[in-house]
Amino acid sequence: MNINERLKVAYRAGFISACNWSAPCSQDVDSPAFEKELRSFLEKHSPIFDPPRPDIALLVSMAMRGHHGFGLLSKRDQLRVLQDMGRLWEEVIGEGFYSPDKADFYMSQLAKE
């Protein structure tokens, strides 16, 4: 779920109100104007909605743990490994594909020997 979708969910759930700010606001949550107003308000008042970013040093540490020769790779290959580590990090913080309602599907992917 991207940031705009999360904002809409938070608005519809009542966690935030479109009229918390003084500027005239649109009540149409699917309008670009509403998204712009909401994003502007949240950037000023609610840092909890900022998408988290991984510490690059953490990603490098993760990469080195999985690929002991990471420091010997070319810059291009290091970037590929760091992208993979970024995807793993997204899964861990809940921004990836996994959700508890999909647990049975993922468990079904384990080898059955």
PDB file of N, CA and C in Angstrom:
ATOM      1  N   MET A   1       0.847  -1.165   0.000  1.00  0.00           N
ATOM      2  CA  MET A   1       0.000   0.000   0.000  1.00  0.00           C
ATOM      3  C   MET A   1       0.901   1.240   0.000  1.00  0.00           C
ATOM      4  N   ASN A   2       0.709   2.095  -0.984  1.00  0.00           N
ATOM      5  CA  ASN A   2       1.549   3.291  -1.052  1.00  0.00           C
ATOM      6  C   ASN A   2       1.033   4.369  -0.094  1.00  0.00           C
ATOM      7  N   ILE A   3       1.767   5.457   0.003  1.00  0.00           N
ATOM      8  CA  ILE A   3       1.435   6.501   0.978  1.00  0.00           C
ATOM      9  C   ILE A   3       0.067   7.098   0.731  1.00  0.00           C
ATOM     10  N   ASN A   4      -0.315   7.320  -0.526  1.00  0.00           N
ATOM     11  CA  ASN A   4      -1.634   7.886  -0.803  1.00  0.00           C
ATOM     12  C   ASN A   4      -2.738   6.952  -0.349  1.00  0.00           C
ATOM     13  N   GLU A   5      -2.572   5.652  -0.584  1.00  0.00           N
ATOM     14  CA  GLU A   5      -3.578   4.688  -0.145  1.00  0.00           C
ATOM     15  C   GLU A   5      -3.661   4.655   1.379  1.00  0.00           C
ATOM     16  N   ARG A   6      -2.503   4.720   2.065  1.00  0.00           N
ATOM     17  CA  ARG A   6      -2.508   4.730   3.526  1.00  0.00           C
ATOM     18  C   ARG A   6      -3.211   5.975   4.061  1.00  0.00           C
ATOM     19  N   LEU A   7      -2.983   7.115   3.414  1.00  0.00           N
ATOM     20  CA  LEU A   7      -3.636   8.344   3.852  1.00  0.00           C
ATOM     21  C   LEU A   7      -5.147   8.236   3.704  1.00  0.00           C
ATOM     22  N   LYS A   8      -5.599   7.684   2.591  1.00  0.00           N
ATOM     23  CA  LYS A   8      -7.038   7.533   2.371  1.00  0.00           C
ATOM     24  C   LYS A   8      -7.653   6.594   3.408  1.00  0.00           C
ATOM     25  N   VAL A   9      -6.958   5.499   3.701  1.00  0.00           N
ATOM     26  CA  VAL A   9      -7.453   4.563   4.707  1.00  0.00           C
ATOM     27  C   VAL A   9      -7.544   5.252   6.065  1.00  0.00           C
ATOM     28  N   ALA A  10      -6.516   6.012   6.420  1.00  0.00           N
ATOM     29  CA  ALA A  10      -6.519   6.717   7.703  1.00  0.00           C
ATOM     30  C   ALA A  10      -7.658   7.731   7.764  1.00  0.00           C
ATOM     31  N   TYR A  11      -7.918   8.408   6.655  1.00  0.00           N
ATOM     32  CA  TYR A  11      -9.012   9.387   6.624  1.00  0.00           C
ATOM     33  C   TYR A  11     -10.353   8.682   6.764  1.00  0.00           C
ATOM     34  N   ARG A  12     -10.554   7.638   5.981  1.00  0.00           N
ATOM     35  CA  ARG A  12     -11.835   6.922   6.019  1.00  0.00           C
ATOM     36  C   ARG A  12     -12.080   6.276   7.380  1.00  0.00           C
ATOM     37  N   ALA A  13     -11.013   5.863   8.051  1.00  0.00           N
ATOM     38  CA  ALA A  13     -11.143   5.236   9.371  1.00  0.00           C
ATOM     39  C   ALA A  13     -11.335   6.262  10.477  1.00  0.00           C
ATOM     40  N   GLY A  14     -11.223   7.536  10.141  1.00  0.00           N
ATOM     41  CA  GLY A  14     -11.448   8.578  11.130  1.00  0.00           C
ATOM     42  C   GLY A  14     -10.222   8.958  11.939  1.00  0.00           C
ATOM     43  N   PHE A  15      -9.044   8.424  11.574  1.00  0.00           N
ATOM     44  CA  PHE A  15      -7.837   8.767  12.314  1.00  0.00           C
ATOM     45  C   PHE A  15      -7.396  10.197  12.045  1.00  0.00           C
ATOM     46  N   ILE A  16      -7.741  10.689  10.870  1.00  0.00           N
ATOM     47  CA  ILE A  16      -7.420  12.065  10.533  1.00  0.00           C
ATOM     48  C   ILE A  16      -8.653  12.686   9.890  1.00  0.00           C
ATOM     49  N   SER A  17      -8.784  13.976  10.000  1.00  0.00           N
ATOM     50  CA  SER A  17      -9.929  14.672   9.442  1.00  0.00           C
ATOM     51  C   SER A  17      -9.458  15.613   8.350  1.00  0.00           C
ATOM     52  N   ALA A  18     -10.189  15.653   7.250  1.00  0.00           N
ATOM     53  CA  ALA A  18      -9.818  16.516   6.129  1.00  0.00           C
ATOM     54  C   ALA A  18      -9.905  17.984   6.503  1.00  0.00           C
ATOM     55  N   CYS A  19     -10.658  18.299   7.530  1.00  0.00           N
ATOM     56  CA  CYS A  19     -10.839  19.704   7.889  1.00  0.00           C
ATOM     57  C   CYS A  19     -10.057  20.081   9.131  1.00  0.00           C
ATOM     58  N   ASN A  20      -8.965  19.382   9.400  1.00  0.00           N
ATOM     59  CA  ASN A  20      -8.089  19.736  10.512  1.00  0.00           C
ATOM     60  C   ASN A  20      -7.255  20.959  10.184  1.00  0.00           C
ATOM     61  N   TRP A  21      -7.221  21.355   8.953  1.00  0.00           N
ATOM     62  CA  TRP A  21      -6.420  22.504   8.572  1.00  0.00           C
ATOM     63  C   TRP A  21      -7.338  23.615   8.072  1.00  0.00           C
ATOM     64  N   SER A  22      -6.826  24.835   8.022  1.00  0.00           N
ATOM     65  CA  SER A  22      -7.680  25.999   7.773  1.00  0.00           C
ATOM     66  C   SER A  22      -8.007  26.207   6.293  1.00  0.00           C
ATOM     67  N   ALA A  23      -7.200  25.674   5.404  1.00  0.00           N
ATOM     68  CA  ALA A  23      -7.459  25.877   3.971  1.00  0.00           C
ATOM     69  C   ALA A  23      -8.734  25.149   3.565  1.00  0.00           C
ATOM     70  N   PRO A  24      -9.471  25.681   2.598  1.00  0.00           N
ATOM     71  CA  PRO A  24     -10.662  24.968   2.116  1.00  0.00           C
ATOM     72  C   PRO A  24     -10.251  23.578   1.645  1.00  0.00           C
ATOM     73  N   CYS A  25     -11.046  22.590   1.970  1.00  0.00           N
ATOM     74  CA  CYS A  25     -10.653  21.233   1.616  1.00  0.00           C
ATOM     75  C   CYS A  25     -11.746  20.511   0.870  1.00  0.00           C
ATOM     76  N   SER A  26     -11.338  19.613   0.043  1.00  0.00           N
ATOM     77  CA  SER A  26     -12.248  18.770  -0.711  1.00  0.00           C
ATOM     78  C   SER A  26     -12.566  17.540   0.126  1.00  0.00           C
ATOM     79  N   GLN A  27     -13.795  17.106   0.141  1.00  0.00           N
ATOM     80  CA  GLN A  27     -14.158  15.898   0.870  1.00  0.00           C
ATOM     81  C   GLN A  27     -14.035  14.663  -0.016  1.00  0.00           C
ATOM     82  N   ASP A  28     -13.735  14.857  -1.302  1.00  0.00           N
ATOM     83  CA  ASP A  28     -13.559  13.738  -2.222  1.00  0.00           C
ATOM     84  C   ASP A  28     -12.166  13.165  -2.038  1.00  0.00           C
ATOM     85  N   VAL A  29     -12.069  12.044  -1.300  1.00  0.00           N
ATOM     86  CA  VAL A  29     -10.758  11.496  -0.960  1.00  0.00           C
ATOM     87  C   VAL A  29      -9.991  10.984  -2.169  1.00  0.00           C
ATOM     88  N   ASP A  30     -10.670  10.800  -3.281  1.00  0.00           N
ATOM     89  CA  ASP A  30      -9.965  10.323  -4.469  1.00  0.00           C
ATOM     90  C   ASP A  30      -9.473  11.453  -5.367  1.00  0.00           C
ATOM     91  N   SER A  31      -9.744  12.695  -4.982  1.00  0.00           N
ATOM     92  CA  SER A  31      -9.323  13.811  -5.827  1.00  0.00           C
ATOM     93  C   SER A  31      -7.854  14.144  -5.560  1.00  0.00           C
ATOM     94  N   PRO A  32      -7.128  14.540  -6.601  1.00  0.00           N
ATOM     95  CA  PRO A  32      -5.741  14.951  -6.421  1.00  0.00           C
ATOM     96  C   PRO A  32      -5.615  16.136  -5.462  1.00  0.00           C
ATOM     97  N   ALA A  33      -6.609  17.040  -5.456  1.00  0.00           N
ATOM     98  CA  ALA A  33      -6.563  18.196  -4.561  1.00  0.00           C
ATOM     99  C   ALA A  33      -6.600  17.745  -3.106  1.00  0.00           C
ATOM    100  N   PHE A  34      -7.446  16.770  -2.803  1.00  0.00           N
ATOM    101  CA  PHE A  34      -7.525  16.255  -1.439  1.00  0.00           C
ATOM    102  C   PHE A  34      -6.193  15.635  -1.025  1.00  0.00           C
ATOM    103  N   GLU A  35      -5.620  14.808  -1.898  1.00  0.00           N
ATOM    104  CA  GLU A  35      -4.345  14.166  -1.584  1.00  0.00           C
ATOM    105  C   GLU A  35      -3.257  15.209  -1.339  1.00  0.00           C
ATOM    106  N   LYS A  36      -3.242  16.255  -2.152  1.00  0.00           N
ATOM    107  CA  LYS A  36      -2.236  17.309  -1.988  1.00  0.00           C
ATOM    108  C   LYS A  36      -2.424  18.026  -0.657  1.00  0.00           C
ATOM    109  N   GLU A  37      -3.667  18.369  -0.320  1.00  0.00           N
ATOM    110  CA  GLU A  37      -3.950  19.052   0.942  1.00  0.00           C
ATOM    111  C   GLU A  37      -3.582  18.171   2.129  1.00  0.00           C
ATOM    112  N   LEU A  38      -3.977  16.916   2.053  1.00  0.00           N
ATOM    113  CA  LEU A  38      -3.733  15.990   3.153  1.00  0.00           C
ATOM    114  C   LEU A  38      -2.245  15.748   3.354  1.00  0.00           C
ATOM    115  N   ARG A  39      -1.545  15.524   2.266  1.00  0.00           N
ATOM    116  CA  ARG A  39      -0.096  15.306   2.355  1.00  0.00           C
ATOM    117  C   ARG A  39       0.591  16.534   2.967  1.00  0.00           C
ATOM    118  N   SER A  40       0.196  17.724   2.527  1.00  0.00           N
ATOM    119  CA  SER A  40       0.789  18.951   3.054  1.00  0.00           C
ATOM    120  C   SER A  40       0.532  19.075   4.553  1.00  0.00           C
ATOM    121  N   PHE A  41      -0.695  18.802   4.960  1.00  0.00           N
ATOM    122  CA  PHE A  41      -1.033  18.874   6.384  1.00  0.00           C
ATOM    123  C   PHE A  41      -0.215  17.869   7.191  1.00  0.00           C
ATOM    124  N   LEU A  42      -0.142  16.644   6.718  1.00  0.00           N
ATOM    125  CA  LEU A  42       0.552  15.608   7.472  1.00  0.00           C
ATOM    126  C   LEU A  42       2.056  15.846   7.534  1.00  0.00           C
ATOM    127  N   GLU A  43       2.626  16.395   6.477  1.00  0.00           N
ATOM    128  CA  GLU A  43       4.053  16.706   6.509  1.00  0.00           C
ATOM    129  C   GLU A  43       4.362  17.718   7.606  1.00  0.00           C
ATOM    130  N   LYS A  44       3.427  18.614   7.869  1.00  0.00           N
ATOM    131  CA  LYS A  44       3.634  19.625   8.900  1.00  0.00           C
ATOM    132  C   LYS A  44       3.291  19.131  10.298  1.00  0.00           C
ATOM    133  N   HIS A  45       2.268  18.280  10.414  1.00  0.00           N
ATOM    134  CA  HIS A  45       1.725  17.951  11.727  1.00  0.00           C
ATOM    135  C   HIS A  45       1.829  16.493  12.153  1.00  0.00           C
ATOM    136  N   SER A  46       2.139  15.605  11.252  1.00  0.00           N
ATOM    137  CA  SER A  46       2.079  14.199  11.623  1.00  0.00           C
ATOM    138  C   SER A  46       3.209  13.403  10.971  1.00  0.00           C
ATOM    139  N   PRO A  47       4.410  13.473  11.540  1.00  0.00           N
ATOM    140  CA  PRO A  47       5.532  12.748  10.939  1.00  0.00           C
ATOM    141  C   PRO A  47       5.345  11.235  10.953  1.00  0.00           C
ATOM    142  N   ILE A  48       4.356  10.741  11.700  1.00  0.00           N
ATOM    143  CA  ILE A  48       4.124   9.297  11.736  1.00  0.00           C
ATOM    144  C   ILE A  48       3.749   8.763  10.346  1.00  0.00           C
ATOM    145  N   PHE A  49       3.241   9.626   9.469  1.00  0.00           N
ATOM    146  CA  PHE A  49       2.847   9.169   8.147  1.00  0.00           C
ATOM    147  C   PHE A  49       3.977   9.232   7.126  1.00  0.00           C
ATOM    148  N   ASP A  50       5.140   9.751   7.531  1.00  0.00           N
ATOM    149  CA  ASP A  50       6.279   9.727   6.619  1.00  0.00           C
ATOM    150  C   ASP A  50       6.700   8.286   6.424  1.00  0.00           C
ATOM    151  N   PRO A  51       6.885   7.858   5.176  1.00  0.00           N
ATOM    152  CA  PRO A  51       7.314   6.479   4.980  1.00  0.00           C
ATOM    153  C   PRO A  51       8.714   6.276   5.564  1.00  0.00           C
ATOM    154  N   PRO A  52       8.902   5.242   6.349  1.00  0.00           N
ATOM    155  CA  PRO A  52      10.227   5.011   6.936  1.00  0.00           C
ATOM    156  C   PRO A  52      11.254   4.664   5.867  1.00  0.00           C
ATOM    157  N   ARG A  53      12.487   5.053   6.113  1.00  0.00           N
ATOM    158  CA  ARG A  53      13.572   4.753   5.185  1.00  0.00           C
ATOM    159  C   ARG A  53      14.647   3.994   5.945  1.00  0.00           C
ATOM    160  N   PRO A  54      15.221   2.994   5.309  1.00  0.00           N
ATOM    161  CA  PRO A  54      16.250   2.227   6.009  1.00  0.00           C
ATOM    162  C   PRO A  54      17.556   3.007   6.098  1.00  0.00           C
ATOM    163  N   ASP A  55      18.302   2.737   7.132  1.00  0.00           N
ATOM    164  CA  ASP A  55      19.656   3.255   7.268  1.00  0.00           C
ATOM    165  C   ASP A  55      20.509   2.487   6.242  1.00  0.00           C
ATOM    166  N   ILE A  56      21.215   3.194   5.399  1.00  0.00           N
ATOM    167  CA  ILE A  56      22.022   2.542   4.370  1.00  0.00           C
ATOM    168  C   ILE A  56      23.051   1.605   5.005  1.00  0.00           C
ATOM    169  N   ALA A  57      23.620   2.025   6.142  1.00  0.00           N
ATOM    170  CA  ALA A  57      24.596   1.169   6.826  1.00  0.00           C
ATOM    171  C   ALA A  57      23.953  -0.154   7.242  1.00  0.00           C
ATOM    172  N   LEU A  58      22.682  -0.121   7.647  1.00  0.00           N
ATOM    173  CA  LEU A  58      21.968  -1.354   7.986  1.00  0.00           C
ATOM    174  C   LEU A  58      21.853  -2.251   6.759  1.00  0.00           C
ATOM    175  N   LEU A  59      21.499  -1.671   5.616  1.00  0.00           N
ATOM    176  CA  LEU A  59      21.386  -2.471   4.393  1.00  0.00           C
ATOM    177  C   LEU A  59      22.733  -3.073   4.003  1.00  0.00           C
ATOM    178  N   VAL A  60      23.813  -2.303   4.171  1.00  0.00           N
ATOM    179  CA  VAL A  60      25.148  -2.821   3.868  1.00  0.00           C
ATOM    180  C   VAL A  60      25.479  -3.979   4.814  1.00  0.00           C
ATOM    181  N   SER A  61      25.161  -3.812   6.093  1.00  0.00           N
ATOM    182  CA  SER A  61      25.399  -4.880   7.059  1.00  0.00           C
ATOM    183  C   SER A  61      24.623  -6.142   6.682  1.00  0.00           C
ATOM    184  N   MET A  62      23.373  -5.963   6.291  1.00  0.00           N
ATOM    185  CA  MET A  62      22.556  -7.105   5.859  1.00  0.00           C
ATOM    186  C   MET A  62      23.176  -7.762   4.624  1.00  0.00           C
ATOM    187  N   ALA A  63      23.629  -6.928   3.695  1.00  0.00           N
ATOM    188  CA  ALA A  63      24.238  -7.442   2.465  1.00  0.00           C
ATOM    189  C   ALA A  63      25.504  -8.232   2.770  1.00  0.00           C
ATOM    190  N   MET A  64      26.323  -7.705   3.680  1.00  0.00           N
ATOM    191  CA  MET A  64      27.578  -8.389   4.024  1.00  0.00           C
ATOM    192  C   MET A  64      27.320  -9.705   4.743  1.00  0.00           C
ATOM    193  N   ARG A  65      26.245  -9.752   5.525  1.00  0.00           N
ATOM    194  CA  ARG A  65      25.916 -10.993   6.225  1.00  0.00           C
ATOM    195  C   ARG A  65      25.527 -12.091   5.229  1.00  0.00           C
ATOM    196  N   GLY A  66      24.806 -11.702   4.193  1.00  0.00           N
ATOM    197  CA  GLY A  66      24.371 -12.680   3.194  1.00  0.00           C
ATOM    198  C   GLY A  66      25.367 -12.925   2.087  1.00  0.00           C
ATOM    199  N   HIS A  67      26.284 -11.999   1.890  1.00  0.00           N
ATOM    200  CA  HIS A  67      27.249 -12.110   0.791  1.00  0.00           C
ATOM    201  C   HIS A  67      28.591 -11.602   1.327  1.00  0.00           C
ATOM    202  N   HIS A  68      29.383 -12.515   1.816  1.00  0.00           N
ATOM    203  CA  HIS A  68      30.623 -12.131   2.500  1.00  0.00           C
ATOM    204  C   HIS A  68      31.608 -11.396   1.594  1.00  0.00           C
ATOM    205  N   GLY A  69      31.466 -11.526   0.295  1.00  0.00           N
ATOM    206  CA  GLY A  69      32.347 -10.824  -0.638  1.00  0.00           C
ATOM    207  C   GLY A  69      31.749  -9.520  -1.133  1.00  0.00           C
ATOM    208  N   PHE A  70      30.767  -8.993  -0.415  1.00  0.00           N
ATOM    209  CA  PHE A  70      30.066  -7.782  -0.846  1.00  0.00           C
ATOM    210  C   PHE A  70      31.026  -6.634  -1.153  1.00  0.00           C
ATOM    211  N   GLY A  71      32.029  -6.440  -0.320  1.00  0.00           N
ATOM    212  CA  GLY A  71      32.982  -5.346  -0.510  1.00  0.00           C
ATOM    213  C   GLY A  71      33.825  -5.486  -1.759  1.00  0.00           C
ATOM    214  N   LEU A  72      33.876  -6.668  -2.330  1.00  0.00           N
ATOM    215  CA  LEU A  72      34.669  -6.905  -3.541  1.00  0.00           C
ATOM    216  C   LEU A  72      33.846  -6.758  -4.820  1.00  0.00           C
ATOM    217  N   LEU A  73      32.534  -6.611  -4.687  1.00  0.00           N
ATOM    218  CA  LEU A  73      31.669  -6.506  -5.861  1.00  0.00           C
ATOM    219  C   LEU A  73      31.822  -5.140  -6.534  1.00  0.00           C
ATOM    220  N   SER A  74      31.458  -5.085  -7.801  1.00  0.00           N
ATOM    221  CA  SER A  74      31.438  -3.796  -8.511  1.00  0.00           C
ATOM    222  C   SER A  74      30.309  -2.939  -7.937  1.00  0.00           C
ATOM    223  N   LYS A  75      30.361  -1.665  -8.199  1.00  0.00           N
ATOM    224  CA  LYS A  75      29.318  -0.764  -7.702  1.00  0.00           C
ATOM    225  C   LYS A  75      27.946  -1.210  -8.200  1.00  0.00           C
ATOM    226  N   ARG A  76      27.876  -1.603  -9.451  1.00  0.00           N
ATOM    227  CA  ARG A  76      26.613  -2.059 -10.050  1.00  0.00           C
ATOM    228  C   ARG A  76      26.070  -3.280  -9.309  1.00  0.00           C
ATOM    229  N   ASP A  77      26.944  -4.255  -9.033  1.00  0.00           N
ATOM    230  CA  ASP A  77      26.510  -5.456  -8.332  1.00  0.00           C
ATOM    231  C   ASP A  77      26.147  -5.153  -6.877  1.00  0.00           C
ATOM    232  N   GLN A  78      26.886  -4.242  -6.242  1.00  0.00           N
ATOM    233  CA  GLN A  78      26.544  -3.847  -4.878  1.00  0.00           C
ATOM    234  C   GLN A  78      25.151  -3.211  -4.834  1.00  0.00           C
ATOM    235  N   LEU A  79      24.849  -2.370  -5.815  1.00  0.00           N
ATOM    236  CA  LEU A  79      23.531  -1.735  -5.850  1.00  0.00           C
ATOM    237  C   LEU A  79      22.426  -2.766  -5.992  1.00  0.00           C
ATOM    238  N   ARG A  80      22.655  -3.788  -6.795  1.00  0.00           N
ATOM    239  CA  ARG A  80      21.656  -4.856  -6.943  1.00  0.00           C
ATOM    240  C   ARG A  80      21.420  -5.571  -5.613  1.00  0.00           C
ATOM    241  N   VAL A  81      22.504  -5.877  -4.914  1.00  0.00           N
ATOM    242  CA  VAL A  81      22.379  -6.549  -3.621  1.00  0.00           C
ATOM    243  C   VAL A  81      21.668  -5.631  -2.627  1.00  0.00           C
ATOM    244  N   LEU A  82      22.008  -4.340  -2.624  1.00  0.00           N
ATOM    245  CA  LEU A  82      21.353  -3.398  -1.714  1.00  0.00           C
ATOM    246  C   LEU A  82      19.867  -3.244  -2.025  1.00  0.00           C
ATOM    247  N   GLN A  83      19.505  -3.326  -3.293  1.00  0.00           N
ATOM    248  CA  GLN A  83      18.087  -3.289  -3.646  1.00  0.00           C
ATOM    249  C   GLN A  83      17.361  -4.503  -3.062  1.00  0.00           C
ATOM    250  N   ASP A  84      17.986  -5.665  -3.139  1.00  0.00           N
ATOM    251  CA  ASP A  84      17.394  -6.862  -2.537  1.00  0.00           C
ATOM    252  C   ASP A  84      17.252  -6.705  -1.033  1.00  0.00           C
ATOM    253  N   MET A  85      18.264  -6.135  -0.391  1.00  0.00           N
ATOM    254  CA  MET A  85      18.194  -5.926   1.056  1.00  0.00           C
ATOM    255  C   MET A  85      17.085  -4.924   1.397  1.00  0.00           C
ATOM    256  N   GLY A  86      16.916  -3.923   0.548  1.00  0.00           N
ATOM    257  CA  GLY A  86      15.831  -2.959   0.745  1.00  0.00           C
ATOM    258  C   GLY A  86      14.467  -3.628   0.673  1.00  0.00           C
ATOM    259  N   ARG A  87      14.320  -4.583  -0.245  1.00  0.00           N
ATOM    260  CA  ARG A  87      13.058  -5.319  -0.353  1.00  0.00           C
ATOM    261  C   ARG A  87      12.808  -6.161   0.896  1.00  0.00           C
ATOM    262  N   LEU A  88      13.862  -6.792   1.398  1.00  0.00           N
ATOM    263  CA  LEU A  88      13.716  -7.574   2.634  1.00  0.00           C
ATOM    264  C   LEU A  88      13.332  -6.662   3.793  1.00  0.00           C
ATOM    265  N   TRP A  89      13.967  -5.515   3.868  1.00  0.00           N
ATOM    266  CA  TRP A  89      13.659  -4.555   4.922  1.00  0.00           C
ATOM    267  C   TRP A  89      12.198  -4.122   4.851  1.00  0.00           C
ATOM    268  N   GLU A  90      11.694  -3.887   3.629  1.00  0.00           N
ATOM    269  CA  GLU A  90      10.291  -3.510   3.461  1.00  0.00           C
ATOM    270  C   GLU A  90       9.365  -4.599   3.993  1.00  0.00           C
ATOM    271  N   GLU A  91       9.714  -5.858   3.745  1.00  0.00           N
ATOM    272  CA  GLU A  91       8.899  -6.957   4.264  1.00  0.00           C
ATOM    273  C   GLU A  91       8.873  -6.934   5.788  1.00  0.00           C
ATOM    274  N   VAL A  92      10.033  -6.716   6.392  1.00  0.00           N
ATOM    275  CA  VAL A  92      10.145  -6.749   7.856  1.00  0.00           C
ATOM    276  C   VAL A  92       9.322  -5.629   8.497  1.00  0.00           C
ATOM    277  N   ILE A  93       9.288  -4.446   7.891  1.00  0.00           N
ATOM    278  CA  ILE A  93       8.553  -3.329   8.501  1.00  0.00           C
ATOM    279  C   ILE A  93       7.089  -3.283   8.067  1.00  0.00           C
ATOM    280  N   GLY A  94       6.664  -4.264   7.275  1.00  0.00           N
ATOM    281  CA  GLY A  94       5.254  -4.323   6.890  1.00  0.00           C
ATOM    282  C   GLY A  94       4.888  -3.567   5.641  1.00  0.00           C
ATOM    283  N   GLU A  95       5.873  -3.186   4.841  1.00  0.00           N
ATOM    284  CA  GLU A  95       5.614  -2.452   3.605  1.00  0.00           C
ATOM    285  C   GLU A  95       5.701  -3.346   2.371  1.00  0.00           C
ATOM    286  N   GLY A  96       5.973  -4.605   2.562  1.00  0.00           N
ATOM    287  CA  GLY A  96       6.143  -5.515   1.432  1.00  0.00           C
ATOM    288  C   GLY A  96       4.847  -6.203   1.044  1.00  0.00           C
ATOM    289  N   PHE A  97       4.971  -7.395   0.483  1.00  0.00           N
ATOM    290  CA  PHE A  97       3.809  -8.140   0.011  1.00  0.00           C
ATOM    291  C   PHE A  97       3.087  -8.884   1.130  1.00  0.00           C
ATOM    292  N   TYR A  98       3.803  -9.228   2.199  1.00  0.00           N
ATOM    293  CA  TYR A  98       3.217 -10.043   3.259  1.00  0.00           C
ATOM    294  C   TYR A  98       2.147  -9.287   4.041  1.00  0.00           C
ATOM    295  N   SER A  99       1.117 -10.003   4.387  1.00  0.00           N
ATOM    296  CA  SER A  99       0.128  -9.538   5.362  1.00  0.00           C
ATOM    297  C   SER A  99      -0.384 -10.789   6.059  1.00  0.00           C
ATOM    298  N   PRO A 100      -0.812 -10.667   7.310  1.00  0.00           N
ATOM    299  CA  PRO A 100      -1.244 -11.846   8.063  1.00  0.00           C
ATOM    300  C   PRO A 100      -2.322 -12.670   7.363  1.00  0.00           C
ATOM    301  N   ASP A 101      -3.185 -12.019   6.597  1.00  0.00           N
ATOM    302  CA  ASP A 101      -4.235 -12.776   5.909  1.00  0.00           C
ATOM    303  C   ASP A 101      -3.681 -13.627   4.761  1.00  0.00           C
ATOM    304  N   LYS A 102      -2.427 -13.414   4.388  1.00  0.00           N
ATOM    305  CA  LYS A 102      -1.801 -14.219   3.324  1.00  0.00           C
ATOM    306  C   LYS A 102      -0.851 -15.272   3.890  1.00  0.00           C
ATOM    307  N   ALA A 103      -0.811 -15.421   5.210  1.00  0.00           N
ATOM    308  CA  ALA A 103       0.141 -16.338   5.844  1.00  0.00           C
ATOM    309  C   ALA A 103      -0.020 -17.765   5.333  1.00  0.00           C
ATOM    310  N   ASP A 104      -1.247 -18.230   5.187  1.00  0.00           N
ATOM    311  CA  ASP A 104      -1.458 -19.610   4.720  1.00  0.00           C
ATOM    312  C   ASP A 104      -0.862 -19.828   3.336  1.00  0.00           C
ATOM    313  N   PHE A 105      -1.022 -18.840   2.453  1.00  0.00           N
ATOM    314  CA  PHE A 105      -0.441 -18.963   1.119  1.00  0.00           C
ATOM    315  C   PHE A 105       1.074 -19.104   1.205  1.00  0.00           C
ATOM    316  N   TYR A 106       1.724 -18.228   1.989  1.00  0.00           N
ATOM    317  CA  TYR A 106       3.182 -18.279   2.091  1.00  0.00           C
ATOM    318  C   TYR A 106       3.658 -19.555   2.739  1.00  0.00           C
ATOM    319  N   MET A 107       2.939 -20.041   3.724  1.00  0.00           N
ATOM    320  CA  MET A 107       3.311 -21.317   4.358  1.00  0.00           C
ATOM    321  C   MET A 107       3.171 -22.467   3.385  1.00  0.00           C
ATOM    322  N   SER A 108       2.228 -22.364   2.450  1.00  0.00           N
ATOM    323  CA  SER A 108       2.035 -23.435   1.465  1.00  0.00           C
ATOM    324  C   SER A 108       3.186 -23.507   0.461  1.00  0.00           C
ATOM    325  N   GLN A 109       4.032 -22.498   0.433  1.00  0.00           N
ATOM    326  CA  GLN A 109       5.162 -22.483  -0.499  1.00  0.00           C
ATOM    327  C   GLN A 109       6.379 -23.234   0.017  1.00  0.00           C
ATOM    328  N   LEU A 110       6.337 -23.675   1.273  1.00  0.00           N
ATOM    329  CA  LEU A 110       7.449 -24.443   1.823  1.00  0.00           C
ATOM    330  C   LEU A 110       7.471 -25.850   1.230  1.00  0.00           C
ATOM    331  N   ALA A 111       8.665 -26.357   0.997  1.00  0.00           N
ATOM    332  CA  ALA A 111       8.812 -27.710   0.434  1.00  0.00           C
ATOM    333  C   ALA A 111       8.235 -28.722   1.405  1.00  0.00           C
ATOM    334  N   LYS A 112       7.594 -29.736   0.835  1.00  0.00           N
ATOM    335  CA  LYS A 112       6.984 -30.791   1.652  1.00  0.00           C
ATOM    336  C   LYS A 112       7.705 -32.095   1.377  1.00  0.00           C
ATOM    337  N   GLU A 113       8.728 -32.384   2.175  1.00  0.00           N
ATOM    338  CA  GLU A 113       9.505 -33.619   1.975  1.00  0.00           C
ATOM    339  C   GLU A 113       9.250 -34.589   3.079  1.00  0.00           C
TER     340      GLU A 113
END
